[in-house]
């Protein structure tokens, strides 16, 4: 039995899910449903503790030293893990050498190996990855398991489905006939699918695996090699991943140097070197908008796929249950301390208030009730630990302080119209990690004259309630944010079908995915593999989507040869 045959049933089920866009996953959604979960979690925790303050074993070419500067957001202590630092040219040379046999293998062979990689990560390393994500990114245990574990695995399978679709859309051969004058010309044509080359995959600090695994798999499935460049603050999740990829590739008879890892430090970054390396053929970048835009401008002739960030917006025009809407919005604004690219930030309201079945609720009351809903989460440490989790970087806390000082200065010069702090951030005591870096959200109320305050992504648990002239102005302001600053997702509450239709069209033109009138336990920004497209590529938040055909189809090109047919 081939590896593809081993995983065929799951793969074909994923194909159906992608075609029908329904809810499906081969993986249990909660840690409690993982097979023999207590033993698996205990073993992973022991491995994590044993790895601290020790070198990470990763046998790859070109090693010239060691690096490691990760600090746990939960203990605020260095992990002390040292990783092999590789010579960049050596990694590219090894990757190029590894590619020919891999590219010559059939698509089914490659898919089988890569499905085995995902199965191996699930069976042997899932809680290792979850622990690593917790203690580098700061996610809660449940989110690290679900969002950075099984959901990321689903996104990986999804990328493989689209890779097969793109690959098999190209006929390998054809016989072509045409009459030229009195002569009939018959040609045999061969179409070769040629991988672009070496891909460089940048991973981010707050969600390292979610974008990385599908990007890596899209490149590998189409015959390319991958060099992974982790963020210096979150190396461990990707080091575990790279080692798993390499082990399965080698066991399947392929050169493990198809997947390697290039490390750098905050003080000595190598990102620009990798992007502009003459052997870089593909760049997958997830991270800050500033560097992402630099990558888009300077990576040529490499093919670039980006997902950065933006101002995700909310418009509240009317609601049948305003408190339910505000509770859902509060939970989503608190989820992982809004350290996700889909977290809502700018909340636009008509100055006259929000229409409900009980009458119009004044804007100040809506703002107060939202602040109370957010505060209710941060006031209970157990709930806060599961929802807010930890702050990945001290820079996020510094930004929150800076914004409060900025508002104070504006109050001195502009008076009350500058705005006010609805909810001041404060640390909460984590019930398991008393030294964790934590914060409840900062919520500011202002109006559209203060665009300098909110007119860009403010990464972290930061939100703005913004007064607008009316509902039409609120929608115009929100979609302007998307077009100018980028937006991955957007949220709308309205009981007016005509306004909903107008908003759907406006957000579609701006290129943001829209969620309408959703309340209840599901986070508003939850993105379901096989069903939800993540990023549109239509605004500055990124040029690629997880996952559609365009995400994989251009990672290989088509080269043809033709010759007169040998007639029998």
Foldseek 3Di string as FASTA:
>chain_A
DALLVVCVVVLVVLLVLLVVQDDDFPDDQWLVPQVVSVVLLVVLVVVLVVQFLEEDDDDDPAFDDWDAAAAFLQQRHGSNYIYTAGDPVGLQVLQQVQQPVLLPDDLSNLLSLLVVLLVCCSPPPLSNLLVLLCGQQQAFSSCSNRVLGRQLSLLQSLLSSLLVVLVVVDDQKDWDWDDDPPDIFIKIKGKRWFFQEEEEEEAERNRGRNQRNNLCSLLSSSRYAYEYEYASSRCSSVSVSLRSSLVSCVVSPGHSSSYYYHYDHPVGDCVVVQLQPPRHAEYEDEEALVVQVVSVVPNPPHHYWYFHAFAAEEEAAAAQDLLLVLLLLLLQLQALQQQDRAGHAEYEYAQQAYQYPVGGDHLVRSLLSSQVSLVVQQVDQVSSCNGNGAHNDVVLVVLLVVLVVVLVVCCVVPNCQSWAWSDRKDADQHPVRRSRHGIRATEIEHEPVNCVSRLEDSRGSHHYYYYANHSVRRLVVNLVRCAPHNHAAYEYEDPDVVVVVVSVVSCVQSFYHYDYNDGDDDRSRDAGRSNGKTGGCRHSSINQISPDSVSNNPSIDMDMDMDGDDDD
